[in-house]
Amino acid sequence: MLSFLKKNKNKQLVAAIDGKCIPIEQVNDQVFASKAMGDGVGIVPNGNVVVSPCDGNLTMVASTKHAFGLTGKDGIEVMVHIGIDTVALGGNGFTVLVEQGCDVKMGQPIIEFDAEFMKSHNLDMTTMMIVLNEASHGVKEKYSNKNVKCGKDIVIEYGE
């Protein structure tokens, strides 16, 4: 009778960027595709603003501005890696919008990139969302092969 009060034990991560969500195995980088860093999804972007996939703390912003890590309020550790081989740009074309160490909200813009600059360098801007501590926050479901809106559409469900 009170089943509507039952809480779904799975927790959720939303898309970090607008675009087409694809299985992590299909990204053009063997380290990510092999899940060597953890399970997750890739998003082929049609936007240029990358947002936080959950409420938490921005624990790491790469000096090259192409990636960030955050720890969710429940302890999940997520890395968002923007593009493939973008580390070689040394930060050019990226603008960090939030300082490392700050608390962030789901959907809050973290990094913006210059899409034309990236296109002029022929870079694959597929953005990976990886659960780094999958052993304690196992990925239960991934929603790929669909178009997603950043900060709104669920792309990963996880739970203990």
C-alpha atoms as a PDB file:
ATOM      1  CA  MET A   1       0.000   0.000   0.000  1.00  0.00           C
ATOM      2  CA  LEU A   2       2.845   2.400   0.739  1.00  0.00           C
ATOM      3  CA  SER A   3       5.005   1.193  -2.121  1.00  0.00           C
ATOM      4  CA  PHE A   4       5.233   4.761  -3.431  1.00  0.00           C
ATOM      5  CA  LEU A   5       7.299   5.542  -0.336  1.00  0.00           C
ATOM      6  CA  LYS A   6       9.848   2.861  -1.188  1.00  0.00           C
ATOM      7  CA  LYS A   7      13.042   4.499  -2.257  1.00  0.00           C
ATOM      8  CA  ASN A   8      14.900   3.291  -5.324  1.00  0.00           C
ATOM      9  CA  LYS A   9      18.242   2.091  -3.954  1.00  0.00           C
ATOM     10  CA  ASN A  10      19.994   2.930  -7.206  1.00  0.00           C
ATOM     11  CA  LYS A  11      21.484   6.413  -7.356  1.00  0.00           C
ATOM     12  CA  GLN A  12      21.889   8.426 -10.529  1.00  0.00           C
ATOM     13  CA  LEU A  13      24.364  10.463 -12.534  1.00  0.00           C
ATOM     14  CA  VAL A  14      23.099  12.853 -15.184  1.00  0.00           C
ATOM     15  CA  ALA A  15      24.726  13.694 -18.500  1.00  0.00           C
ATOM     16  CA  ALA A  16      27.735  16.007 -18.171  1.00  0.00           C
ATOM     17  CA  ILE A  17      27.219  17.487 -21.662  1.00  0.00           C
ATOM     18  CA  ASP A  18      24.528  17.654 -24.339  1.00  0.00           C
ATOM     19  CA  GLY A  19      24.940  15.029 -27.056  1.00  0.00           C
ATOM     20  CA  LYS A  20      24.604  11.381 -27.974  1.00  0.00           C
ATOM     21  CA  CYS A  21      25.357   8.958 -25.148  1.00  0.00           C
ATOM     22  CA  ILE A  22      27.299   5.893 -26.318  1.00  0.00           C
ATOM     23  CA  PRO A  23      28.608   2.761 -24.570  1.00  0.00           C
ATOM     24  CA  ILE A  24      32.074   3.320 -23.093  1.00  0.00           C
ATOM     25  CA  GLU A  25      33.300   0.366 -25.172  1.00  0.00           C
ATOM     26  CA  GLN A  26      32.708   2.434 -28.337  1.00  0.00           C
ATOM     27  CA  VAL A  27      34.894   5.442 -27.497  1.00  0.00           C
ATOM     28  CA  ASN A  28      38.025   5.920 -29.620  1.00  0.00           C
ATOM     29  CA  ASP A  29      40.450   5.530 -26.732  1.00  0.00           C
ATOM     30  CA  GLN A  30      41.504   2.055 -25.636  1.00  0.00           C
ATOM     31  CA  VAL A  31      42.122   3.018 -21.999  1.00  0.00           C
ATOM     32  CA  PHE A  32      38.526   4.175 -21.586  1.00  0.00           C
ATOM     33  CA  ALA A  33      36.973   1.580 -23.931  1.00  0.00           C
ATOM     34  CA  SER A  34      38.639  -1.273 -22.015  1.00  0.00           C
ATOM     35  CA  LYS A  35      37.269   0.115 -18.724  1.00  0.00           C
ATOM     36  CA  ALA A  36      40.814   0.215 -17.336  1.00  0.00           C
ATOM     37  CA  MET A  37      39.866   3.297 -15.283  1.00  0.00           C
ATOM     38  CA  GLY A  38      36.334   2.133 -14.500  1.00  0.00           C
ATOM     39  CA  ASP A  39      32.917   1.731 -16.049  1.00  0.00           C
ATOM     40  CA  GLY A  40      30.911   4.563 -17.518  1.00  0.00           C
ATOM     41  CA  VAL A  41      29.639   6.122 -20.720  1.00  0.00           C
ATOM     42  CA  GLY A  42      30.829   8.379 -23.497  1.00  0.00           C
ATOM     43  CA  ILE A  43      28.902  11.354 -24.836  1.00  0.00           C
ATOM     44  CA  VAL A  44      29.533  12.657 -28.356  1.00  0.00           C
ATOM     45  CA  PRO A  45      28.795  16.320 -27.695  1.00  0.00           C
ATOM     46  CA  ASN A  46      26.646  18.776 -29.571  1.00  0.00           C
ATOM     47  CA  GLY A  47      27.299  21.421 -26.927  1.00  0.00           C
ATOM     48  CA  ASN A  48      30.376  22.923 -25.297  1.00  0.00           C
ATOM     49  CA  VAL A  49      29.480  23.337 -21.615  1.00  0.00           C
ATOM     50  CA  VAL A  50      30.376  20.477 -19.280  1.00  0.00           C
ATOM     51  CA  VAL A  51      28.399  20.246 -16.032  1.00  0.00           C
ATOM     52  CA  SER A  52      28.555  18.310 -12.782  1.00  0.00           C
ATOM     53  CA  PRO A  53      26.757  14.947 -13.051  1.00  0.00           C
ATOM     54  CA  CYS A  54      25.803  15.019  -9.329  1.00  0.00           C
ATOM     55  CA  ASP A  55      25.919  17.077  -6.150  1.00  0.00           C
ATOM     56  CA  GLY A  56      29.350  16.853  -4.556  1.00  0.00           C
ATOM     57  CA  ASN A  57      32.801  18.342  -4.213  1.00  0.00           C
ATOM     58  CA  LEU A  58      35.058  19.226  -7.143  1.00  0.00           C
ATOM     59  CA  THR A  59      38.103  17.305  -5.915  1.00  0.00           C
ATOM     60  CA  MET A  60      40.295  17.655  -9.002  1.00  0.00           C
ATOM     61  CA  VAL A  61      40.624  19.915 -12.030  1.00  0.00           C
ATOM     62  CA  ALA A  62      43.426  18.889 -14.369  1.00  0.00           C
ATOM     63  CA  SER A  63      46.060  21.585 -14.900  1.00  0.00           C
ATOM     64  CA  THR A  64      45.372  21.100 -18.610  1.00  0.00           C
ATOM     65  CA  LYS A  65      41.661  21.828 -17.956  1.00  0.00           C
ATOM     66  CA  HIS A  66      40.487  18.829 -20.011  1.00  0.00           C
ATOM     67  CA  ALA A  67      39.235  16.730 -17.086  1.00  0.00           C
ATOM     68  CA  PHE A  68      37.793  16.998 -13.623  1.00  0.00           C
ATOM     69  CA  GLY A  69      36.980  14.686 -10.769  1.00  0.00           C
ATOM     70  CA  LEU A  70      34.344  14.960  -8.134  1.00  0.00           C
ATOM     71  CA  THR A  71      33.202  13.102  -5.093  1.00  0.00           C
ATOM     72  CA  GLY A  72      29.450  12.862  -4.677  1.00  0.00           C
ATOM     73  CA  LYS A  73      27.760  13.385  -1.343  1.00  0.00           C
ATOM     74  CA  ASP A  74      27.367   9.587  -1.085  1.00  0.00           C
ATOM     75  CA  GLY A  75      31.076   8.980  -1.747  1.00  0.00           C
ATOM     76  CA  ILE A  76      30.905   8.085  -5.452  1.00  0.00           C
ATOM     77  CA  GLU A  77      34.010   9.238  -7.328  1.00  0.00           C
ATOM     78  CA  VAL A  78      33.432  10.351 -10.905  1.00  0.00           C
ATOM     79  CA  MET A  79      35.891  11.530 -13.522  1.00  0.00           C
ATOM     80  CA  VAL A  80      34.716  13.561 -16.489  1.00  0.00           C
ATOM     81  CA  HIS A  81      37.284  13.552 -19.305  1.00  0.00           C
ATOM     82  CA  ILE A  82      36.591  16.026 -22.113  1.00  0.00           C
ATOM     83  CA  GLY A  83      37.718  14.820 -25.520  1.00  0.00           C
ATOM     84  CA  ILE A  84      40.388  12.415 -26.676  1.00  0.00           C
ATOM     85  CA  ASP A  85      44.021  13.575 -26.764  1.00  0.00           C
ATOM     86  CA  THR A  86      42.930  17.017 -25.518  1.00  0.00           C
ATOM     87  CA  VAL A  87      45.610  16.903 -22.818  1.00  0.00           C
ATOM     88  CA  ALA A  88      48.082  17.837 -25.577  1.00  0.00           C
ATOM     89  CA  LEU A  89      46.463  21.285 -25.841  1.00  0.00           C
ATOM     90  CA  GLY A  90      47.915  22.273 -22.464  1.00  0.00           C
ATOM     91  CA  GLY A  91      44.654  23.935 -21.451  1.00  0.00           C
ATOM     92  CA  ASN A  92      44.207  25.988 -24.625  1.00  0.00           C
ATOM     93  CA  GLY A  93      40.555  26.162 -25.670  1.00  0.00           C
ATOM     94  CA  PHE A  94      39.208  25.361 -22.188  1.00  0.00           C
ATOM     95  CA  THR A  95      37.789  27.685 -19.538  1.00  0.00           C
ATOM     96  CA  VAL A  96      37.386  26.423 -15.972  1.00  0.00           C
ATOM     97  CA  LEU A  97      34.278  27.925 -14.368  1.00  0.00           C
ATOM     98  CA  VAL A  98      34.584  26.500 -10.812  1.00  0.00           C
ATOM     99  CA  GLU A  99      37.654  26.250  -8.602  1.00  0.00           C
ATOM    100  CA  GLN A 100      38.920  22.909  -7.362  1.00  0.00           C
ATOM    101  CA  GLY A 101      37.733  22.214  -3.821  1.00  0.00           C
ATOM    102  CA  CYS A 102      34.336  23.884  -4.240  1.00  0.00           C
ATOM    103  CA  ASP A 103      31.027  22.172  -3.618  1.00  0.00           C
ATOM    104  CA  VAL A 104      28.940  21.857  -6.774  1.00  0.00           C
ATOM    105  CA  LYS A 105      25.334  21.034  -7.618  1.00  0.00           C
ATOM    106  CA  MET A 106      24.090  18.591 -10.236  1.00  0.00           C
ATOM    107  CA  GLY A 107      23.929  20.450 -13.550  1.00  0.00           C
ATOM    108  CA  GLN A 108      26.275  23.258 -12.483  1.00  0.00           C
ATOM    109  CA  PRO A 109      28.640  24.306 -15.318  1.00  0.00           C
ATOM    110  CA  ILE A 110      32.252  23.288 -14.544  1.00  0.00           C
ATOM    111  CA  ILE A 111      34.229  23.682 -17.786  1.00  0.00           C
ATOM    112  CA  GLU A 112      33.479  25.271 -21.136  1.00  0.00           C
ATOM    113  CA  PHE A 113      35.422  24.607 -24.322  1.00  0.00           C
ATOM    114  CA  ASP A 114      35.794  26.467 -27.591  1.00  0.00           C
ATOM    115  CA  ALA A 115      34.105  24.116 -30.058  1.00  0.00           C
ATOM    116  CA  GLU A 116      35.512  25.866 -33.133  1.00  0.00           C
ATOM    117  CA  PHE A 117      39.041  25.700 -31.719  1.00  0.00           C
ATOM    118  CA  MET A 118      38.640  21.962 -31.068  1.00  0.00           C
ATOM    119  CA  LYS A 119      37.212  21.413 -34.549  1.00  0.00           C
ATOM    120  CA  SER A 120      40.138  23.309 -36.113  1.00  0.00           C
ATOM    121  CA  HIS A 121      42.469  20.856 -34.335  1.00  0.00           C
ATOM    122  CA  ASN A 122      40.459  17.833 -35.599  1.00  0.00           C
ATOM    123  CA  LEU A 123      39.861  16.557 -32.067  1.00  0.00           C
ATOM    124  CA  ASP A 124      37.337  13.920 -31.085  1.00  0.00           C
ATOM    125  CA  MET A 125      35.450  15.684 -28.287  1.00  0.00           C
ATOM    126  CA  THR A 126      33.704  12.575 -26.975  1.00  0.00           C
ATOM    127  CA  THR A 127      33.402  13.187 -23.247  1.00  0.00           C
ATOM    128  CA  MET A 128      33.768  10.224 -20.906  1.00  0.00           C
ATOM    129  CA  MET A 129      32.020   9.876 -17.535  1.00  0.00           C
ATOM    130  CA  ILE A 130      33.782   7.221 -15.452  1.00  0.00           C
ATOM    131  CA  VAL A 131      32.897   5.806 -12.030  1.00  0.00           C
ATOM    132  CA  LEU A 132      36.315   5.448 -10.417  1.00  0.00           C
ATOM    133  CA  ASN A 133      35.290   3.574  -7.267  1.00  0.00           C
ATOM    134  CA  GLU A 134      32.985   1.049  -8.878  1.00  0.00           C
ATOM    135  CA  ALA A 135      33.846  -1.619  -6.289  1.00  0.00           C
ATOM    136  CA  SER A 136      31.941   0.324  -3.634  1.00  0.00           C
ATOM    137  CA  HIS A 137      29.441   2.077  -5.932  1.00  0.00           C
ATOM    138  CA  GLY A 138      28.725  -0.513  -8.628  1.00  0.00           C
ATOM    139  CA  VAL A 139      27.303   0.613 -11.954  1.00  0.00           C
ATOM    140  CA  LYS A 140      23.868  -0.997 -12.237  1.00  0.00           C
ATOM    141  CA  GLU A 141      22.547   0.515 -15.460  1.00  0.00           C
ATOM    142  CA  LYS A 142      23.885   2.667 -18.298  1.00  0.00           C
ATOM    143  CA  TYR A 143      21.606   4.490 -20.689  1.00  0.00           C
ATOM    144  CA  SER A 144      23.339   4.807 -24.029  1.00  0.00           C
ATOM    145  CA  ASN A 145      22.431   5.099 -27.694  1.00  0.00           C
ATOM    146  CA  LYS A 146      20.214   8.102 -27.030  1.00  0.00           C
ATOM    147  CA  ASN A 147      20.450  11.868 -27.157  1.00  0.00           C
ATOM    148  CA  VAL A 148      20.864  13.469 -23.729  1.00  0.00           C
ATOM    149  CA  LYS A 149      20.606  16.934 -22.183  1.00  0.00           C
ATOM    150  CA  CYS A 150      23.276  17.896 -19.679  1.00  0.00           C
ATOM    151  CA  GLY A 151      22.174  18.213 -16.096  1.00  0.00           C
ATOM    152  CA  LYS A 152      18.821  16.570 -16.844  1.00  0.00           C
ATOM    153  CA  ASP A 153      18.989  13.111 -18.436  1.00  0.00           C
ATOM    154  CA  ILE A 154      20.140  10.128 -16.363  1.00  0.00           C
ATOM    155  CA  VAL A 155      23.006   8.231 -18.011  1.00  0.00           C
ATOM    156  CA  ILE A 156      24.245   6.011 -15.149  1.00  0.00           C
ATOM    157  CA  GLU A 157      22.484   4.352 -12.219  1.00  0.00           C
ATOM    158  CA  TYR A 158      24.626   2.934  -9.439  1.00  0.00           C
ATOM    159  CA  GLY A 159      24.213   1.451  -5.991  1.00  0.00           C
ATOM    160  CA  GLU A 160      25.865  -0.650  -3.345  1.00  0.00           C
END
